[in-house]
Amino acid sequence: MRTSLPHWALVLALTLAALPQAGSAGVKQASLSPLFDTTTRFKPKKTFKLRFRVQSASGAPVPKDDVMFTLQHGIDLKEPAIPLHARLVKSGVFEIPFSPEGPGQYRVFAAVRGTQAGSIAPVRLGVVGAVGGFVEVSPEKDAEMQARARNAGWRSKR
């Protein structure tokens, strides 16, 4: 007795699996375009409403249910991405609240159903402010700072 599926059933199953999901635009390529000046330097602890256009390679807007936005702080890709709540402003245009916790580099990623993961370039954002911790300076700058400290009456603890 043969227990495997007939050939036509296997072909049908594979064909159905390859079709776009219900509600999906079946997008293979998409782009993320900021609708604000990306050279803006944001301030920590304030909320900004950022708008983005997400569209398929054909120029068609991507439906809200097919897009997910995430935020990553820092340049280390090992840091976890934070999901962002996006509001559909108009067809293909999304608004995202951006509330940076502190200074540094941030990236907004968009994932569109049907596209290859990582195929959409992220949008980089900069947040101003001083970052805590040590700052490494060149020996020349260090010597300059030591001279300034001596002139100001400070003593080195060497």
C-alpha atoms as a PDB file:
ATOM      1  CA  MET A   1       0.000   0.000   0.000  1.00  0.00           C
ATOM      2  CA  ARG A   2       1.323   3.430  -0.998  1.00  0.00           C
ATOM      3  CA  THR A   3       0.959   6.181   1.641  1.00  0.00           C
ATOM      4  CA  SER A   4       2.567   9.145  -0.106  1.00  0.00           C
ATOM      5  CA  LEU A   5       0.573  11.927  -1.766  1.00  0.00           C
ATOM      6  CA  PRO A   6      -0.137  11.693  -5.466  1.00  0.00           C
ATOM      7  CA  HIS A   7       2.119  13.859  -7.641  1.00  0.00           C
ATOM      8  CA  TRP A   8      -0.646  16.361  -8.479  1.00  0.00           C
ATOM      9  CA  ALA A   9      -1.417  16.883  -4.764  1.00  0.00           C
ATOM     10  CA  LEU A  10       2.210  17.656  -4.019  1.00  0.00           C
ATOM     11  CA  VAL A  11       2.384  20.144  -6.906  1.00  0.00           C
ATOM     12  CA  LEU A  12      -0.865  21.771  -5.715  1.00  0.00           C
ATOM     13  CA  ALA A  13       0.425  22.043  -2.139  1.00  0.00           C
ATOM     14  CA  LEU A  14       3.695  23.646  -3.276  1.00  0.00           C
ATOM     15  CA  THR A  15       1.839  26.062  -5.576  1.00  0.00           C
ATOM     16  CA  LEU A  16      -0.520  27.151  -2.790  1.00  0.00           C
ATOM     17  CA  ALA A  17       2.393  27.624  -0.386  1.00  0.00           C
ATOM     18  CA  ALA A  18       4.094  29.933  -2.900  1.00  0.00           C
ATOM     19  CA  LEU A  19       1.043  32.171  -3.296  1.00  0.00           C
ATOM     20  CA  PRO A  20       0.873  35.378  -1.209  1.00  0.00           C
ATOM     21  CA  GLN A  21      -0.911  35.123   2.127  1.00  0.00           C
ATOM     22  CA  ALA A  22      -4.432  36.536   2.428  1.00  0.00           C
ATOM     23  CA  GLY A  23      -4.182  40.292   2.867  1.00  0.00           C
ATOM     24  CA  SER A  24      -0.646  40.318   1.505  1.00  0.00           C
ATOM     25  CA  ALA A  25       0.335  42.477  -1.408  1.00  0.00           C
ATOM     26  CA  GLY A  26       2.686  39.743  -2.585  1.00  0.00           C
ATOM     27  CA  VAL A  27       5.480  42.330  -2.653  1.00  0.00           C
ATOM     28  CA  LYS A  28       8.883  40.985  -3.703  1.00  0.00           C
ATOM     29  CA  GLN A  29      10.799  44.275  -3.415  1.00  0.00           C
ATOM     30  CA  ALA A  30       9.978  47.406  -1.431  1.00  0.00           C
ATOM     31  CA  SER A  31      11.599  50.648  -0.353  1.00  0.00           C
ATOM     32  CA  LEU A  32      11.495  52.826   2.753  1.00  0.00           C
ATOM     33  CA  SER A  33      11.685  56.596   2.162  1.00  0.00           C
ATOM     34  CA  PRO A  34      11.822  59.128   4.998  1.00  0.00           C
ATOM     35  CA  LEU A  35       9.499  62.110   4.583  1.00  0.00           C
ATOM     36  CA  PHE A  36      11.657  64.325   6.829  1.00  0.00           C
ATOM     37  CA  ASP A  37      15.194  65.719   6.789  1.00  0.00           C
ATOM     38  CA  THR A  38      17.430  62.802   7.769  1.00  0.00           C
ATOM     39  CA  THR A  39      20.221  65.179   8.816  1.00  0.00           C
ATOM     40  CA  THR A  40      18.059  66.414  11.696  1.00  0.00           C
ATOM     41  CA  ARG A  41      19.687  65.786  15.079  1.00  0.00           C
ATOM     42  CA  PHE A  42      17.047  64.776  17.589  1.00  0.00           C
ATOM     43  CA  LYS A  43      17.096  65.387  21.327  1.00  0.00           C
ATOM     44  CA  PRO A  44      16.848  62.609  23.919  1.00  0.00           C
ATOM     45  CA  LYS A  45      13.685  62.090  25.995  1.00  0.00           C
ATOM     46  CA  LYS A  46      11.451  63.951  23.503  1.00  0.00           C
ATOM     47  CA  THR A  47       8.925  62.375  21.161  1.00  0.00           C
ATOM     48  CA  PHE A  48       9.075  63.097  17.458  1.00  0.00           C
ATOM     49  CA  LYS A  49       6.573  61.926  14.865  1.00  0.00           C
ATOM     50  CA  LEU A  50       8.492  60.568  11.897  1.00  0.00           C
ATOM     51  CA  ARG A  51       6.795  59.857   8.569  1.00  0.00           C
ATOM     52  CA  PHE A  52       7.908  57.261   6.062  1.00  0.00           C
ATOM     53  CA  ARG A  53       6.661  56.133   2.680  1.00  0.00           C
ATOM     54  CA  VAL A  54       6.745  52.400   2.035  1.00  0.00           C
ATOM     55  CA  GLN A  55       6.105  51.276  -1.520  1.00  0.00           C
ATOM     56  CA  SER A  56       6.691  48.288  -3.723  1.00  0.00           C
ATOM     57  CA  ALA A  57       9.183  48.353  -6.597  1.00  0.00           C
ATOM     58  CA  SER A  58       6.246  49.084  -8.928  1.00  0.00           C
ATOM     59  CA  GLY A  59       5.455  52.215  -6.888  1.00  0.00           C
ATOM     60  CA  ALA A  60       2.284  50.796  -5.344  1.00  0.00           C
ATOM     61  CA  PRO A  61       1.721  51.596  -1.657  1.00  0.00           C
ATOM     62  CA  VAL A  62       2.147  48.709   0.764  1.00  0.00           C
ATOM     63  CA  PRO A  63      -0.844  47.917   3.045  1.00  0.00           C
ATOM     64  CA  LYS A  64      -0.468  48.531   6.795  1.00  0.00           C
ATOM     65  CA  ASP A  65      -0.892  44.852   7.682  1.00  0.00           C
ATOM     66  CA  ASP A  66       2.107  43.965   5.500  1.00  0.00           C
ATOM     67  CA  VAL A  67       4.609  46.329   7.183  1.00  0.00           C
ATOM     68  CA  MET A  68       6.427  46.080  10.500  1.00  0.00           C
ATOM     69  CA  PHE A  69       8.799  48.755  11.833  1.00  0.00           C
ATOM     70  CA  THR A  70      11.575  48.287  14.379  1.00  0.00           C
ATOM     71  CA  LEU A  71      14.143  50.583  16.001  1.00  0.00           C
ATOM     72  CA  GLN A  72      17.716  49.749  16.894  1.00  0.00           C
ATOM     73  CA  HIS A  73      20.024  51.892  19.043  1.00  0.00           C
ATOM     74  CA  GLY A  74      23.746  51.816  18.424  1.00  0.00           C
ATOM     75  CA  ILE A  75      25.821  50.343  15.670  1.00  0.00           C
ATOM     76  CA  ASP A  76      26.011  46.827  17.102  1.00  0.00           C
ATOM     77  CA  LEU A  77      23.582  44.595  15.232  1.00  0.00           C
ATOM     78  CA  LYS A  78      23.550  42.244  18.239  1.00  0.00           C
ATOM     79  CA  GLU A  79      21.396  44.724  20.165  1.00  0.00           C
ATOM     80  CA  PRO A  80      17.710  43.763  20.162  1.00  0.00           C
ATOM     81  CA  ALA A  81      15.418  45.713  17.851  1.00  0.00           C
ATOM     82  CA  ILE A  82      12.410  47.386  19.449  1.00  0.00           C
ATOM     83  CA  PRO A  83       9.055  47.044  17.667  1.00  0.00           C
ATOM     84  CA  LEU A  84       7.464  50.391  16.773  1.00  0.00           C
ATOM     85  CA  HIS A  85       3.775  51.174  16.493  1.00  0.00           C
ATOM     86  CA  ALA A  86       3.058  52.695  13.099  1.00  0.00           C
ATOM     87  CA  ARG A  87      -0.043  54.689  12.221  1.00  0.00           C
ATOM     88  CA  LEU A  88      -1.230  54.750   8.626  1.00  0.00           C
ATOM     89  CA  VAL A  89      -1.556  58.442   7.696  1.00  0.00           C
ATOM     90  CA  LYS A  90      -2.570  57.865   4.087  1.00  0.00           C
ATOM     91  CA  SER A  91      -2.028  55.171   1.504  1.00  0.00           C
ATOM     92  CA  GLY A  92       1.601  54.020   1.834  1.00  0.00           C
ATOM     93  CA  VAL A  93       2.554  56.737   4.367  1.00  0.00           C
ATOM     94  CA  PHE A  94       3.194  55.743   7.974  1.00  0.00           C
ATOM     95  CA  GLU A  95       3.826  57.821  11.100  1.00  0.00           C
ATOM     96  CA  ILE A  96       6.021  56.452  13.864  1.00  0.00           C
ATOM     97  CA  PRO A  97       6.625  57.999  17.286  1.00  0.00           C
ATOM     98  CA  PHE A  98      10.368  58.221  17.967  1.00  0.00           C
ATOM     99  CA  SER A  99      11.363  58.773  21.619  1.00  0.00           C
ATOM    100  CA  PRO A 100      15.124  58.254  21.943  1.00  0.00           C
ATOM    101  CA  GLU A 101      16.294  57.263  25.417  1.00  0.00           C
ATOM    102  CA  GLY A 102      19.727  58.805  24.974  1.00  0.00           C
ATOM    103  CA  PRO A 103      22.266  60.123  22.491  1.00  0.00           C
ATOM    104  CA  GLY A 104      23.799  58.068  19.732  1.00  0.00           C
ATOM    105  CA  GLN A 105      22.953  56.465  16.426  1.00  0.00           C
ATOM    106  CA  TYR A 106      19.564  54.882  15.782  1.00  0.00           C
ATOM    107  CA  ARG A 107      18.198  52.975  12.807  1.00  0.00           C
ATOM    108  CA  VAL A 108      14.611  52.458  11.723  1.00  0.00           C
ATOM    109  CA  PHE A 109      14.009  49.202   9.868  1.00  0.00           C
ATOM    110  CA  ALA A 110      10.972  48.219   7.825  1.00  0.00           C
ATOM    111  CA  ALA A 111      10.054  44.630   7.083  1.00  0.00           C
ATOM    112  CA  VAL A 112       7.480  44.009   4.366  1.00  0.00           C
ATOM    113  CA  ARG A 113       5.696  40.696   3.987  1.00  0.00           C
ATOM    114  CA  GLY A 114       6.984  38.890   0.914  1.00  0.00           C
ATOM    115  CA  THR A 115      10.350  40.681   0.751  1.00  0.00           C
ATOM    116  CA  GLN A 116      13.651  39.119   1.681  1.00  0.00           C
ATOM    117  CA  ALA A 117      14.755  39.941   5.246  1.00  0.00           C
ATOM    118  CA  GLY A 118      17.230  42.833   5.263  1.00  0.00           C
ATOM    119  CA  SER A 119      16.521  43.837   1.665  1.00  0.00           C
ATOM    120  CA  ILE A 120      15.147  47.257   2.666  1.00  0.00           C
ATOM    121  CA  ALA A 121      17.832  49.752   3.650  1.00  0.00           C
ATOM    122  CA  PRO A 122      17.322  51.206   7.148  1.00  0.00           C
ATOM    123  CA  VAL A 123      16.997  54.937   7.833  1.00  0.00           C
ATOM    124  CA  ARG A 124      19.691  56.301  10.169  1.00  0.00           C
ATOM    125  CA  LEU A 125      18.875  58.837  12.856  1.00  0.00           C
ATOM    126  CA  GLY A 126      21.227  60.809  15.086  1.00  0.00           C
ATOM    127  CA  VAL A 127      20.474  61.934  18.633  1.00  0.00           C
ATOM    128  CA  VAL A 128      22.603  64.677  20.196  1.00  0.00           C
ATOM    129  CA  GLY A 129      24.079  64.663  23.672  1.00  0.00           C
ATOM    130  CA  ALA A 130      27.049  63.405  25.611  1.00  0.00           C
ATOM    131  CA  VAL A 131      27.567  59.689  25.905  1.00  0.00           C
ATOM    132  CA  GLY A 132      28.751  58.484  29.297  1.00  0.00           C
ATOM    133  CA  GLY A 133      31.991  56.594  29.727  1.00  0.00           C
ATOM    134  CA  PHE A 134      35.570  57.103  28.696  1.00  0.00           C
ATOM    135  CA  VAL A 135      36.562  59.132  25.681  1.00  0.00           C
ATOM    136  CA  GLU A 136      39.844  58.154  24.085  1.00  0.00           C
ATOM    137  CA  VAL A 137      41.902  61.059  22.789  1.00  0.00           C
ATOM    138  CA  SER A 138      45.160  61.160  20.874  1.00  0.00           C
ATOM    139  CA  PRO A 139      48.427  61.647  22.836  1.00  0.00           C
ATOM    140  CA  GLU A 140      48.720  65.151  21.354  1.00  0.00           C
ATOM    141  CA  LYS A 141      45.301  66.147  22.658  1.00  0.00           C
ATOM    142  CA  ASP A 142      46.055  64.526  26.009  1.00  0.00           C
ATOM    143  CA  ALA A 143      49.298  66.540  26.313  1.00  0.00           C
ATOM    144  CA  GLU A 144      47.359  69.686  25.431  1.00  0.00           C
ATOM    145  CA  MET A 145      44.754  68.950  28.110  1.00  0.00           C
ATOM    146  CA  GLN A 146      47.493  68.270  30.679  1.00  0.00           C
ATOM    147  CA  ALA A 147      49.131  71.631  29.875  1.00  0.00           C
ATOM    148  CA  ARG A 148      45.781  73.414  30.267  1.00  0.00           C
ATOM    149  CA  ALA A 149      45.217  71.674  33.606  1.00  0.00           C
ATOM    150  CA  ARG A 150      48.687  72.722  34.856  1.00  0.00           C
ATOM    151  CA  ASN A 151      48.056  76.330  33.769  1.00  0.00           C
ATOM    152  CA  ALA A 152      44.725  76.254  35.612  1.00  0.00           C
ATOM    153  CA  GLY A 153      46.466  75.025  38.786  1.00  0.00           C
ATOM    154  CA  TRP A 154      45.353  71.397  38.635  1.00  0.00           C
ATOM    155  CA  ARG A 155      47.815  68.685  39.477  1.00  0.00           C
ATOM    156  CA  SER A 156      48.136  65.387  37.650  1.00  0.00           C
ATOM    157  CA  LYS A 157      47.773  62.241  39.775  1.00  0.00           C
ATOM    158  CA  ARG A 158      50.660  60.404  38.097  1.00  0.00           C
END
